Amino acid sequence: MLAGSPPVYTFESSWEVCNKVGGINTVIRSKAAVTTQELGDKYYLLGPYVEEKMRFEVELGELEDYYVRSAVHAMRDRGIKVVTGQWLIEGSPKVILFDLEATLGGKKA
């Protein structure tokens, strides 16, 4: 990376991040440790905020990275409910979860 250039991030999104519906959840879980090890603190998983499912699977907390944290705060300032933390699986990947029902005014996503 060149001095002064922005950091490179990897964002992986899936309806099944912290939300087991089918087999994709298993795939994400199985590769999380290796991917987190390879990409480090620039790897994020994006998914839906489903309170009853994530209550026991996510340690809530603010993200440390300045740029990502700023983006999350900007979304919150615009009325988007965003929850952040670490998924309590092997590798402990960072997650950004979107409460789509709250953001859409109670409409089903």
PDB file of N, CA and C in Angstrom:
ATOM      1  N   MET A   1       0.847  -1.171   0.000  1.00  0.00           N
ATOM      2  CA  MET A   1       0.000   0.000   0.000  1.00  0.00           C
ATOM      3  C   MET A   1       0.895   1.238   0.000  1.00  0.00           C
ATOM      4  N   LEU A   2       0.586   2.210  -0.810  1.00  0.00           N
ATOM      5  CA  LEU A   2       1.362   3.432  -0.893  1.00  0.00           C
ATOM      6  C   LEU A   2       1.062   4.330   0.290  1.00  0.00           C
ATOM      7  N   ALA A   3       2.048   5.064   0.723  1.00  0.00           N
ATOM      8  CA  ALA A   3       1.848   6.000   1.826  1.00  0.00           C
ATOM      9  C   ALA A   3       0.770   7.006   1.435  1.00  0.00           C
ATOM     10  N   GLY A   4      -0.159   7.223   2.336  1.00  0.00           N
ATOM     11  CA  GLY A   4      -1.230   8.177   2.082  1.00  0.00           C
ATOM     12  C   GLY A   4      -2.417   7.616   1.327  1.00  0.00           C
ATOM     13  N   SER A   5      -2.304   6.389   0.832  1.00  0.00           N
ATOM     14  CA  SER A   5      -3.437   5.803   0.132  1.00  0.00           C
ATOM     15  C   SER A   5      -4.388   5.177   1.150  1.00  0.00           C
ATOM     16  N   PRO A   6      -5.678   5.132   0.827  1.00  0.00           N
ATOM     17  CA  PRO A   6      -6.643   4.572   1.780  1.00  0.00           C
ATOM     18  C   PRO A   6      -6.434   3.069   1.958  1.00  0.00           C
ATOM     19  N   PRO A   7      -6.784   2.556   3.129  1.00  0.00           N
ATOM     20  CA  PRO A   7      -6.646   1.117   3.359  1.00  0.00           C
ATOM     21  C   PRO A   7      -7.594   0.319   2.465  1.00  0.00           C
ATOM     22  N   VAL A   8      -7.235  -0.912   2.219  1.00  0.00           N
ATOM     23  CA  VAL A   8      -8.054  -1.809   1.408  1.00  0.00           C
ATOM     24  C   VAL A   8      -8.858  -2.697   2.350  1.00  0.00           C
ATOM     25  N   TYR A   9     -10.137  -2.803   2.099  1.00  0.00           N
ATOM     26  CA  TYR A   9     -11.040  -3.598   2.931  1.00  0.00           C
ATOM     27  C   TYR A   9     -11.664  -4.706   2.100  1.00  0.00           C
ATOM     28  N   THR A  10     -12.117  -5.748   2.788  1.00  0.00           N
ATOM     29  CA  THR A  10     -12.930  -6.780   2.169  1.00  0.00           C
ATOM     30  C   THR A  10     -14.226  -6.863   2.956  1.00  0.00           C
ATOM     31  N   PHE A  11     -15.343  -6.637   2.271  1.00  0.00           N
ATOM     32  CA  PHE A  11     -16.667  -6.757   2.866  1.00  0.00           C
ATOM     33  C   PHE A  11     -17.376  -7.920   2.189  1.00  0.00           C
ATOM     34  N   GLU A  12     -17.835  -8.850   2.983  1.00  0.00           N
ATOM     35  CA  GLU A  12     -18.578  -9.990   2.462  1.00  0.00           C
ATOM     36  C   GLU A  12     -19.994  -9.890   3.015  1.00  0.00           C
ATOM     37  N   SER A  13     -20.963  -9.923   2.141  1.00  0.00           N
ATOM     38  CA  SER A  13     -22.348  -9.792   2.603  1.00  0.00           C
ATOM     39  C   SER A  13     -23.142 -11.053   2.299  1.00  0.00           C
ATOM     40  N   SER A  14     -24.010 -11.382   3.240  1.00  0.00           N
ATOM     41  CA  SER A  14     -24.882 -12.537   3.071  1.00  0.00           C
ATOM     42  C   SER A  14     -26.058 -12.403   4.018  1.00  0.00           C
ATOM     43  N   TRP A  15     -27.209 -12.876   3.581  1.00  0.00           N
ATOM     44  CA  TRP A  15     -28.383 -12.928   4.430  1.00  0.00           C
ATOM     45  C   TRP A  15     -28.131 -13.876   5.609  1.00  0.00           C
ATOM     46  N   GLU A  16     -27.129 -14.733   5.503  1.00  0.00           N
ATOM     47  CA  GLU A  16     -26.894 -15.752   6.525  1.00  0.00           C
ATOM     48  C   GLU A  16     -25.734 -15.436   7.468  1.00  0.00           C
ATOM     49  N   VAL A  17     -25.244 -14.219   7.466  1.00  0.00           N
ATOM     50  CA  VAL A  17     -24.279 -13.803   8.486  1.00  0.00           C
ATOM     51  C   VAL A  17     -25.057 -13.643   9.790  1.00  0.00           C
ATOM     52  N   CYS A  18     -24.687 -14.417  10.789  1.00  0.00           N
ATOM     53  CA  CYS A  18     -25.377 -14.417  12.100  1.00  0.00           C
ATOM     54  C   CYS A  18     -26.863 -14.737  11.963  1.00  0.00           C
ATOM     55  N   ASN A  19     -27.246 -15.440  10.924  1.00  0.00           N
ATOM     56  CA  ASN A  19     -28.659 -15.696  10.643  1.00  0.00           C
ATOM     57  C   ASN A  19     -28.786 -17.010   9.872  1.00  0.00           C
ATOM     58  N   LYS A  20     -28.734 -18.129  10.592  1.00  0.00           N
ATOM     59  CA  LYS A  20     -28.781 -19.434   9.931  1.00  0.00           C
ATOM     60  C   LYS A  20     -30.156 -19.683   9.330  1.00  0.00           C
ATOM     61  N   VAL A  21     -30.169 -19.790   8.015  1.00  0.00           N
ATOM     62  CA  VAL A  21     -31.389 -20.110   7.275  1.00  0.00           C
ATOM     63  C   VAL A  21     -31.167 -21.395   6.490  1.00  0.00           C
ATOM     64  N   GLY A  22     -29.984 -21.516   5.911  1.00  0.00           N
ATOM     65  CA  GLY A  22     -29.653 -22.687   5.099  1.00  0.00           C
ATOM     66  C   GLY A  22     -28.167 -22.970   5.156  1.00  0.00           C
ATOM     67  N   GLY A  23     -27.647 -23.513   4.083  1.00  0.00           N
ATOM     68  CA  GLY A  23     -26.276 -23.981   4.049  1.00  0.00           C
ATOM     69  C   GLY A  23     -25.204 -22.922   3.913  1.00  0.00           C
ATOM     70  N   ILE A  24     -25.560 -21.727   3.438  1.00  0.00           N
ATOM     71  CA  ILE A  24     -24.560 -20.678   3.262  1.00  0.00           C
ATOM     72  C   ILE A  24     -23.960 -20.284   4.606  1.00  0.00           C
ATOM     73  N   ASN A  25     -24.757 -20.300   5.662  1.00  0.00           N
ATOM     74  CA  ASN A  25     -24.270 -19.984   7.008  1.00  0.00           C
ATOM     75  C   ASN A  25     -23.106 -20.907   7.364  1.00  0.00           C
ATOM     76  N   THR A  26     -23.244 -22.190   7.048  1.00  0.00           N
ATOM     77  CA  THR A  26     -22.194 -23.164   7.339  1.00  0.00           C
ATOM     78  C   THR A  26     -20.933 -22.847   6.547  1.00  0.00           C
ATOM     79  N   VAL A  27     -21.077 -22.451   5.293  1.00  0.00           N
ATOM     80  CA  VAL A  27     -19.928 -22.102   4.458  1.00  0.00           C
ATOM     81  C   VAL A  27     -19.204 -20.889   5.047  1.00  0.00           C
ATOM     82  N   ILE A  28     -19.950 -19.868   5.420  1.00  0.00           N
ATOM     83  CA  ILE A  28     -19.340 -18.656   5.980  1.00  0.00           C
ATOM     84  C   ILE A  28     -18.610 -18.990   7.276  1.00  0.00           C
ATOM     85  N   ARG A  29     -19.268 -19.762   8.143  1.00  0.00           N
ATOM     86  CA  ARG A  29     -18.644 -20.147   9.416  1.00  0.00           C
ATOM     87  C   ARG A  29     -17.351 -20.929   9.192  1.00  0.00           C
ATOM     88  N   SER A  30     -17.376 -21.834   8.211  1.00  0.00           N
ATOM     89  CA  SER A  30     -16.220 -22.709   8.016  1.00  0.00           C
ATOM     90  C   SER A  30     -15.001 -21.965   7.479  1.00  0.00           C
ATOM     91  N   LYS A  31     -15.193 -20.883   6.781  1.00  0.00           N
ATOM     92  CA  LYS A  31     -14.048 -20.159   6.220  1.00  0.00           C
ATOM     93  C   LYS A  31     -13.682 -18.909   7.006  1.00  0.00           C
ATOM     94  N   ALA A  32     -14.459 -18.554   8.017  1.00  0.00           N
ATOM     95  CA  ALA A  32     -14.239 -17.301   8.751  1.00  0.00           C
ATOM     96  C   ALA A  32     -12.873 -17.229   9.415  1.00  0.00           C
ATOM     97  N   ALA A  33     -12.446 -18.306  10.050  1.00  0.00           N
ATOM     98  CA  ALA A  33     -11.163 -18.278  10.765  1.00  0.00           C
ATOM     99  C   ALA A  33      -9.997 -18.038   9.808  1.00  0.00           C
ATOM    100  N   VAL A  34      -9.976 -18.762   8.698  1.00  0.00           N
ATOM    101  CA  VAL A  34      -8.889 -18.626   7.731  1.00  0.00           C
ATOM    102  C   VAL A  34      -8.928 -17.244   7.082  1.00  0.00           C
ATOM    103  N   THR A  35     -10.114 -16.795   6.710  1.00  0.00           N
ATOM    104  CA  THR A  35     -10.232 -15.499   6.053  1.00  0.00           C
ATOM    105  C   THR A  35      -9.830 -14.371   6.998  1.00  0.00           C
ATOM    106  N   THR A  36     -10.260 -14.456   8.250  1.00  0.00           N
ATOM    107  CA  THR A  36      -9.877 -13.442   9.230  1.00  0.00           C
ATOM    108  C   THR A  36      -8.364 -13.443   9.433  1.00  0.00           C
ATOM    109  N   GLN A  37      -7.761 -14.613   9.463  1.00  0.00           N
ATOM    110  CA  GLN A  37      -6.308 -14.710   9.633  1.00  0.00           C
ATOM    111  C   GLN A  37      -5.589 -14.104   8.426  1.00  0.00           C
ATOM    112  N   GLU A  38      -6.082 -14.370   7.226  1.00  0.00           N
ATOM    113  CA  GLU A  38      -5.432 -13.879   6.014  1.00  0.00           C
ATOM    114  C   GLU A  38      -5.610 -12.373   5.810  1.00  0.00           C
ATOM    115  N   LEU A  39      -6.824 -11.876   6.082  1.00  0.00           N
ATOM    116  CA  LEU A  39      -7.132 -10.476   5.785  1.00  0.00           C
ATOM    117  C   LEU A  39      -7.030  -9.557   6.995  1.00  0.00           C
ATOM    118  N   GLY A  40      -6.963 -10.124   8.166  1.00  0.00           N
ATOM    119  CA  GLY A  40      -6.786  -9.333   9.377  1.00  0.00           C
ATOM    120  C   GLY A  40      -7.961  -8.430   9.701  1.00  0.00           C
ATOM    121  N   ASP A  41      -7.627  -7.256  10.204  1.00  0.00           N
ATOM    122  CA  ASP A  41      -8.665  -6.356  10.701  1.00  0.00           C
ATOM    123  C   ASP A  41      -9.362  -5.557   9.600  1.00  0.00           C
ATOM    124  N   LYS A  42      -9.126  -5.903   8.360  1.00  0.00           N
ATOM    125  CA  LYS A  42      -9.801  -5.227   7.242  1.00  0.00           C
ATOM    126  C   LYS A  42     -10.888  -6.110   6.627  1.00  0.00           C
ATOM    127  N   TYR A  43     -11.275  -7.178   7.330  1.00  0.00           N
ATOM    128  CA  TYR A  43     -12.305  -8.114   6.850  1.00  0.00           C
ATOM    129  C   TYR A  43     -13.565  -7.929   7.679  1.00  0.00           C
ATOM    130  N   TYR A  44     -14.680  -7.698   6.993  1.00  0.00           N
ATOM    131  CA  TYR A  44     -15.968  -7.478   7.653  1.00  0.00           C
ATOM    132  C   TYR A  44     -17.048  -8.316   6.978  1.00  0.00           C
ATOM    133  N   LEU A  45     -17.945  -8.827   7.796  1.00  0.00           N
ATOM    134  CA  LEU A  45     -19.119  -9.538   7.289  1.00  0.00           C
ATOM    135  C   LEU A  45     -20.336  -8.644   7.494  1.00  0.00           C
ATOM    136  N   LEU A  46     -21.144  -8.522   6.463  1.00  0.00           N
ATOM    137  CA  LEU A  46     -22.361  -7.712   6.508  1.00  0.00           C
ATOM    138  C   LEU A  46     -23.563  -8.636   6.437  1.00  0.00           C
ATOM    139  N   GLY A  47     -24.567  -8.361   7.257  1.00  0.00           N
ATOM    140  CA  GLY A  47     -25.754  -9.198   7.249  1.00  0.00           C
ATOM    141  C   GLY A  47     -26.920  -8.519   7.925  1.00  0.00           C
ATOM    142  N   PRO A  48     -28.026  -9.247   8.070  1.00  0.00           N
ATOM    143  CA  PRO A  48     -29.213  -8.679   8.703  1.00  0.00           C
ATOM    144  C   PRO A  48     -29.115  -8.757  10.222  1.00  0.00           C
ATOM    145  N   TYR A  49     -29.701  -7.783  10.875  1.00  0.00           N
ATOM    146  CA  TYR A  49     -29.830  -7.823  12.332  1.00  0.00           C
ATOM    147  C   TYR A  49     -31.118  -8.570  12.637  1.00  0.00           C
ATOM    148  N   VAL A  50     -30.976  -9.761  13.200  1.00  0.00           N
ATOM    149  CA  VAL A  50     -32.125 -10.572  13.601  1.00  0.00           C
ATOM    150  C   VAL A  50     -31.934 -10.844  15.088  1.00  0.00           C
ATOM    151  N   GLU A  51     -32.589 -10.040  15.925  1.00  0.00           N
ATOM    152  CA  GLU A  51     -32.291 -10.031  17.352  1.00  0.00           C
ATOM    153  C   GLU A  51     -32.344 -11.404  17.993  1.00  0.00           C
ATOM    154  N   GLU A  52     -33.391 -12.168  17.732  1.00  0.00           N
ATOM    155  CA  GLU A  52     -33.518 -13.462  18.403  1.00  0.00           C
ATOM    156  C   GLU A  52     -32.432 -14.457  17.985  1.00  0.00           C
ATOM    157  N   LYS A  53     -31.817 -14.249  16.843  1.00  0.00           N
ATOM    158  CA  LYS A  53     -30.759 -15.156  16.393  1.00  0.00           C
ATOM    159  C   LYS A  53     -29.381 -14.677  16.809  1.00  0.00           C
ATOM    160  N   MET A  54     -29.182 -13.381  16.808  1.00  0.00           N
ATOM    161  CA  MET A  54     -27.838 -12.884  17.071  1.00  0.00           C
ATOM    162  C   MET A  54     -27.567 -12.630  18.546  1.00  0.00           C
ATOM    163  N   ARG A  55     -28.584 -12.644  19.357  1.00  0.00           N
ATOM    164  CA  ARG A  55     -28.438 -12.345  20.781  1.00  0.00           C
ATOM    165  C   ARG A  55     -27.327 -13.164  21.435  1.00  0.00           C
ATOM    166  N   PHE A  56     -27.187 -14.426  21.022  1.00  0.00           N
ATOM    167  CA  PHE A  56     -26.190 -15.314  21.613  1.00  0.00           C
ATOM    168  C   PHE A  56     -24.977 -15.524  20.706  1.00  0.00           C
ATOM    169  N   GLU A  57     -24.964 -14.871  19.552  1.00  0.00           N
ATOM    170  CA  GLU A  57     -23.898 -15.115  18.582  1.00  0.00           C
ATOM    171  C   GLU A  57     -22.980 -13.930  18.340  1.00  0.00           C
ATOM    172  N   VAL A  58     -23.333 -12.763  18.879  1.00  0.00           N
ATOM    173  CA  VAL A  58     -22.549 -11.562  18.591  1.00  0.00           C
ATOM    174  C   VAL A  58     -22.205 -10.838  19.886  1.00  0.00           C
ATOM    175  N   GLU A  59     -20.941 -10.483  20.007  1.00  0.00           N
ATOM    176  CA  GLU A  59     -20.523  -9.608  21.094  1.00  0.00           C
ATOM    177  C   GLU A  59     -20.573  -8.192  20.533  1.00  0.00           C
ATOM    178  N   LEU A  60     -21.532  -7.415  21.017  1.00  0.00           N
ATOM    179  CA  LEU A  60     -21.726  -6.071  20.503  1.00  0.00           C
ATOM    180  C   LEU A  60     -20.562  -5.177  20.895  1.00  0.00           C
ATOM    181  N   GLY A  61     -20.225  -4.269  20.014  1.00  0.00           N
ATOM    182  CA  GLY A  61     -19.157  -3.307  20.291  1.00  0.00           C
ATOM    183  C   GLY A  61     -18.913  -2.427  19.086  1.00  0.00           C
ATOM    184  N   GLU A  62     -18.329  -1.273  19.362  1.00  0.00           N
ATOM    185  CA  GLU A  62     -17.980  -0.355  18.280  1.00  0.00           C
ATOM    186  C   GLU A  62     -16.755  -0.876  17.540  1.00  0.00           C
ATOM    187  N   LEU A  63     -16.695  -0.598  16.274  1.00  0.00           N
ATOM    188  CA  LEU A  63     -15.562  -1.015  15.459  1.00  0.00           C
ATOM    189  C   LEU A  63     -14.401  -0.051  15.663  1.00  0.00           C
ATOM    190  N   GLU A  64     -13.183  -0.577  15.661  1.00  0.00           N
ATOM    191  CA  GLU A  64     -12.006   0.239  15.924  1.00  0.00           C
ATOM    192  C   GLU A  64     -11.541   1.044  14.717  1.00  0.00           C
ATOM    193  N   ASP A  65     -11.735   0.506  13.519  1.00  0.00           N
ATOM    194  CA  ASP A  65     -11.228   1.167  12.322  1.00  0.00           C
ATOM    195  C   ASP A  65     -11.932   2.510  12.110  1.00  0.00           C
ATOM    196  N   TYR A  66     -11.157   3.568  11.974  1.00  0.00           N
ATOM    197  CA  TYR A  66     -11.702   4.914  11.849  1.00  0.00           C
ATOM    198  C   TYR A  66     -12.660   5.047  10.657  1.00  0.00           C
ATOM    199  N   TYR A  67     -12.250   4.566   9.490  1.00  0.00           N
ATOM    200  CA  TYR A  67     -13.048   4.750   8.275  1.00  0.00           C
ATOM    201  C   TYR A  67     -14.360   3.971   8.334  1.00  0.00           C
ATOM    202  N   VAL A  68     -14.290   2.735   8.772  1.00  0.00           N
ATOM    203  CA  VAL A  68     -15.508   1.915   8.855  1.00  0.00           C
ATOM    204  C   VAL A  68     -16.422   2.451   9.947  1.00  0.00           C
ATOM    205  N   ARG A  69     -15.859   2.806  11.080  1.00  0.00           N
ATOM    206  CA  ARG A  69     -16.665   3.376  12.166  1.00  0.00           C
ATOM    207  C   ARG A  69     -17.350   4.668  11.707  1.00  0.00           C
ATOM    208  N   SER A  70     -16.642   5.500  10.968  1.00  0.00           N
ATOM    209  CA  SER A  70     -17.226   6.743  10.455  1.00  0.00           C
ATOM    210  C   SER A  70     -18.382   6.460   9.499  1.00  0.00           C
ATOM    211  N   ALA A  71     -18.218   5.448   8.651  1.00  0.00           N
ATOM    212  CA  ALA A  71     -19.296   5.080   7.724  1.00  0.00           C
ATOM    213  C   ALA A  71     -20.520   4.581   8.486  1.00  0.00           C
ATOM    214  N   VAL A  72     -20.295   3.778   9.525  1.00  0.00           N
ATOM    215  CA  VAL A  72     -21.408   3.279  10.341  1.00  0.00           C
ATOM    216  C   VAL A  72     -22.113   4.444  11.024  1.00  0.00           C
ATOM    217  N   HIS A  73     -21.368   5.382  11.569  1.00  0.00           N
ATOM    218  CA  HIS A  73     -21.979   6.543  12.232  1.00  0.00           C
ATOM    219  C   HIS A  73     -22.770   7.383  11.228  1.00  0.00           C
ATOM    220  N   ALA A  74     -22.265   7.527  10.011  1.00  0.00           N
ATOM    221  CA  ALA A  74     -22.981   8.284   8.985  1.00  0.00           C
ATOM    222  C   ALA A  74     -24.318   7.607   8.648  1.00  0.00           C
ATOM    223  N   MET A  75     -24.313   6.281   8.588  1.00  0.00           N
ATOM    224  CA  MET A  75     -25.572   5.560   8.333  1.00  0.00           C
ATOM    225  C   MET A  75     -26.541   5.770   9.481  1.00  0.00           C
ATOM    226  N   ARG A  76     -26.052   5.671  10.699  1.00  0.00           N
ATOM    227  CA  ARG A  76     -26.910   5.880  11.869  1.00  0.00           C
ATOM    228  C   ARG A  76     -27.488   7.292  11.861  1.00  0.00           C
ATOM    229  N   ASP A  77     -26.678   8.270  11.495  1.00  0.00           N
ATOM    230  CA  ASP A  77     -27.146   9.658  11.429  1.00  0.00           C
ATOM    231  C   ASP A  77     -28.262   9.825  10.412  1.00  0.00           C
ATOM    232  N   ARG A  78     -28.327   8.941   9.439  1.00  0.00           N
ATOM    233  CA  ARG A  78     -29.362   8.998   8.404  1.00  0.00           C
ATOM    234  C   ARG A  78     -30.558   8.099   8.721  1.00  0.00           C
ATOM    235  N   GLY A  79     -30.581   7.568   9.938  1.00  0.00           N
ATOM    236  CA  GLY A  79     -31.726   6.779  10.378  1.00  0.00           C
ATOM    237  C   GLY A  79     -31.645   5.298  10.098  1.00  0.00           C
ATOM    238  N   ILE A  80     -30.503   4.818   9.670  1.00  0.00           N
ATOM    239  CA  ILE A  80     -30.328   3.389   9.412  1.00  0.00           C
ATOM    240  C   ILE A  80     -29.860   2.742  10.707  1.00  0.00           C
ATOM    241  N   LYS A  81     -30.606   1.742  11.172  1.00  0.00           N
ATOM    242  CA  LYS A  81     -30.199   1.056  12.399  1.00  0.00           C
ATOM    243  C   LYS A  81     -29.127   0.041  12.041  1.00  0.00           C
ATOM    244  N   VAL A  82     -27.936   0.260  12.583  1.00  0.00           N
ATOM    245  CA  VAL A  82     -26.774  -0.580  12.310  1.00  0.00           C
ATOM    246  C   VAL A  82     -26.197  -1.039  13.645  1.00  0.00           C
ATOM    247  N   VAL A  83     -25.926  -2.334  13.751  1.00  0.00           N
ATOM    248  CA  VAL A  83     -25.335  -2.916  14.950  1.00  0.00           C
ATOM    249  C   VAL A  83     -23.989  -3.504  14.547  1.00  0.00           C
ATOM    250  N   THR A  84     -22.979  -3.300  15.381  1.00  0.00           N
ATOM    251  CA  THR A  84     -21.645  -3.806  15.065  1.00  0.00           C
ATOM    252  C   THR A  84     -21.101  -4.639  16.223  1.00  0.00           C
ATOM    253  N   GLY A  85     -20.132  -5.466  15.899  1.00  0.00           N
ATOM    254  CA  GLY A  85     -19.492  -6.284  16.922  1.00  0.00           C
ATOM    255  C   GLY A  85     -18.665  -7.392  16.303  1.00  0.00           C
ATOM    256  N   GLN A  86     -18.484  -8.458  17.090  1.00  0.00           N
ATOM    257  CA  GLN A  86     -17.746  -9.627  16.605  1.00  0.00           C
ATOM    258  C   GLN A  86     -18.642 -10.852  16.703  1.00  0.00           C
ATOM    259  N   TRP A  87     -18.621 -11.647  15.640  1.00  0.00           N
ATOM    260  CA  TRP A  87     -19.388 -12.887  15.596  1.00  0.00           C
ATOM    261  C   TRP A  87     -18.639 -13.901  16.453  1.00  0.00           C
ATOM    262  N   LEU A  88     -19.330 -14.539  17.351  1.00  0.00           N
ATOM    263  CA  LEU A  88     -18.710 -15.468  18.292  1.00  0.00           C
ATOM    264  C   LEU A  88     -18.549 -16.863  17.686  1.00  0.00           C
ATOM    265  N   ILE A  89     -17.757 -16.909  16.633  1.00  0.00           N
ATOM    266  CA  ILE A  89     -17.400 -18.162  15.970  1.00  0.00           C
ATOM    267  C   ILE A  89     -15.883 -18.171  15.840  1.00  0.00           C
ATOM    268  N   GLU A  90     -15.321 -19.273  15.374  1.00  0.00           N
ATOM    269  CA  GLU A  90     -13.875 -19.352  15.211  1.00  0.00           C
ATOM    270  C   GLU A  90     -13.385 -18.240  14.284  1.00  0.00           C
ATOM    271  N   GLY A  91     -12.392 -17.507  14.714  1.00  0.00           N
ATOM    272  CA  GLY A  91     -11.860 -16.383  13.956  1.00  0.00           C
ATOM    273  C   GLY A  91     -12.418 -15.044  14.415  1.00  0.00           C
ATOM    274  N   SER A  92     -13.563 -15.067  15.085  1.00  0.00           N
ATOM    275  CA  SER A  92     -14.215 -13.850  15.601  1.00  0.00           C
ATOM    276  C   SER A  92     -14.259 -12.714  14.585  1.00  0.00           C
ATOM    277  N   PRO A  93     -14.823 -12.955  13.400  1.00  0.00           N
ATOM    278  CA  PRO A  93     -14.859 -11.884  12.399  1.00  0.00           C
ATOM    279  C   PRO A  93     -15.734 -10.719  12.858  1.00  0.00           C
ATOM    280  N   LYS A  94     -15.362  -9.532  12.410  1.00  0.00           N
ATOM    281  CA  LYS A  94     -16.156  -8.343  12.706  1.00  0.00           C
ATOM    282  C   LYS A  94     -17.407  -8.359  11.832  1.00  0.00           C
ATOM    283  N   VAL A  95     -18.524  -7.938  12.422  1.00  0.00           N
ATOM    284  CA  VAL A  95     -19.786  -7.927  11.682  1.00  0.00           C
ATOM    285  C   VAL A  95     -20.428  -6.546  11.746  1.00  0.00           C
ATOM    286  N   ILE A  96     -21.123  -6.229  10.674  1.00  0.00           N
ATOM    287  CA  ILE A  96     -21.956  -5.032  10.593  1.00  0.00           C
ATOM    288  C   ILE A  96     -23.336  -5.543  10.190  1.00  0.00           C
ATOM    289  N   LEU A  97     -24.294  -5.368  11.092  1.00  0.00           N
ATOM    290  CA  LEU A  97     -25.635  -5.927  10.886  1.00  0.00           C
ATOM    291  C   LEU A  97     -26.640  -4.794  10.737  1.00  0.00           C
ATOM    292  N   PHE A  98     -27.525  -4.945   9.774  1.00  0.00           N
ATOM    293  CA  PHE A  98     -28.508  -3.916   9.447  1.00  0.00           C
ATOM    294  C   PHE A  98     -29.902  -4.365   9.869  1.00  0.00           C
ATOM    295  N   ASP A  99     -30.570  -3.551  10.669  1.00  0.00           N
ATOM    296  CA  ASP A  99     -31.950  -3.829  11.062  1.00  0.00           C
ATOM    297  C   ASP A  99     -32.840  -3.255   9.971  1.00  0.00           C
ATOM    298  N   LEU A 100     -33.143  -4.088   8.999  1.00  0.00           N
ATOM    299  CA  LEU A 100     -33.881  -3.623   7.826  1.00  0.00           C
ATOM    300  C   LEU A 100     -35.325  -3.273   8.141  1.00  0.00           C
ATOM    301  N   GLU A 101     -35.959  -4.009   9.048  1.00  0.00           N
ATOM    302  CA  GLU A 101     -37.341  -3.701   9.408  1.00  0.00           C
ATOM    303  C   GLU A 101     -37.445  -2.332  10.066  1.00  0.00           C
ATOM    304  N   ALA A 102     -36.534  -2.027  10.998  1.00  0.00           N
ATOM    305  CA  ALA A 102     -36.544  -0.709  11.648  1.00  0.00           C
ATOM    306  C   ALA A 102     -36.268   0.381  10.641  1.00  0.00           C
ATOM    307  N   THR A 103     -35.344   0.136   9.734  1.00  0.00           N
ATOM    308  CA  THR A 103     -34.974   1.135   8.731  1.00  0.00           C
ATOM    309  C   THR A 103     -36.107   1.353   7.740  1.00  0.00           C
ATOM    310  N   LEU A 104     -36.841   0.316   7.413  1.00  0.00           N
ATOM    311  CA  LEU A 104     -37.929   0.419   6.436  1.00  0.00           C
ATOM    312  C   LEU A 104     -39.263   0.763   7.094  1.00  0.00           C
ATOM    313  N   GLY A 105     -39.237   1.139   8.362  1.00  0.00           N
ATOM    314  CA  GLY A 105     -40.452   1.564   9.040  1.00  0.00           C
ATOM    315  C   GLY A 105     -41.396   0.415   9.357  1.00  0.00           C
ATOM    316  N   GLY A 106     -40.855  -0.741   9.735  1.00  0.00           N
ATOM    317  CA  GLY A 106     -41.674  -1.876  10.118  1.00  0.00           C
ATOM    318  C   GLY A 106     -42.075  -2.774   8.970  1.00  0.00           C
ATOM    319  N   LYS A 107     -41.759  -2.408   7.749  1.00  0.00           N
ATOM    320  CA  LYS A 107     -42.073  -3.260   6.601  1.00  0.00           C
ATOM    321  C   LYS A 107     -41.114  -4.421   6.580  1.00  0.00           C
ATOM    322  N   LYS A 108     -41.597  -5.584   6.178  1.00  0.00           N
ATOM    323  CA  LYS A 108     -40.741  -6.766   6.077  1.00  0.00           C
ATOM    324  C   LYS A 108     -39.727  -6.581   4.961  1.00  0.00           C
ATOM    325  N   ALA A 109     -38.477  -6.945   5.267  1.00  0.00           N
ATOM    326  CA  ALA A 109     -37.399  -6.821   4.280  1.00  0.00           C
ATOM    327  C   ALA A 109     -37.478  -7.955   3.278  1.00  0.00           C
TER     328      ALA A 109
END
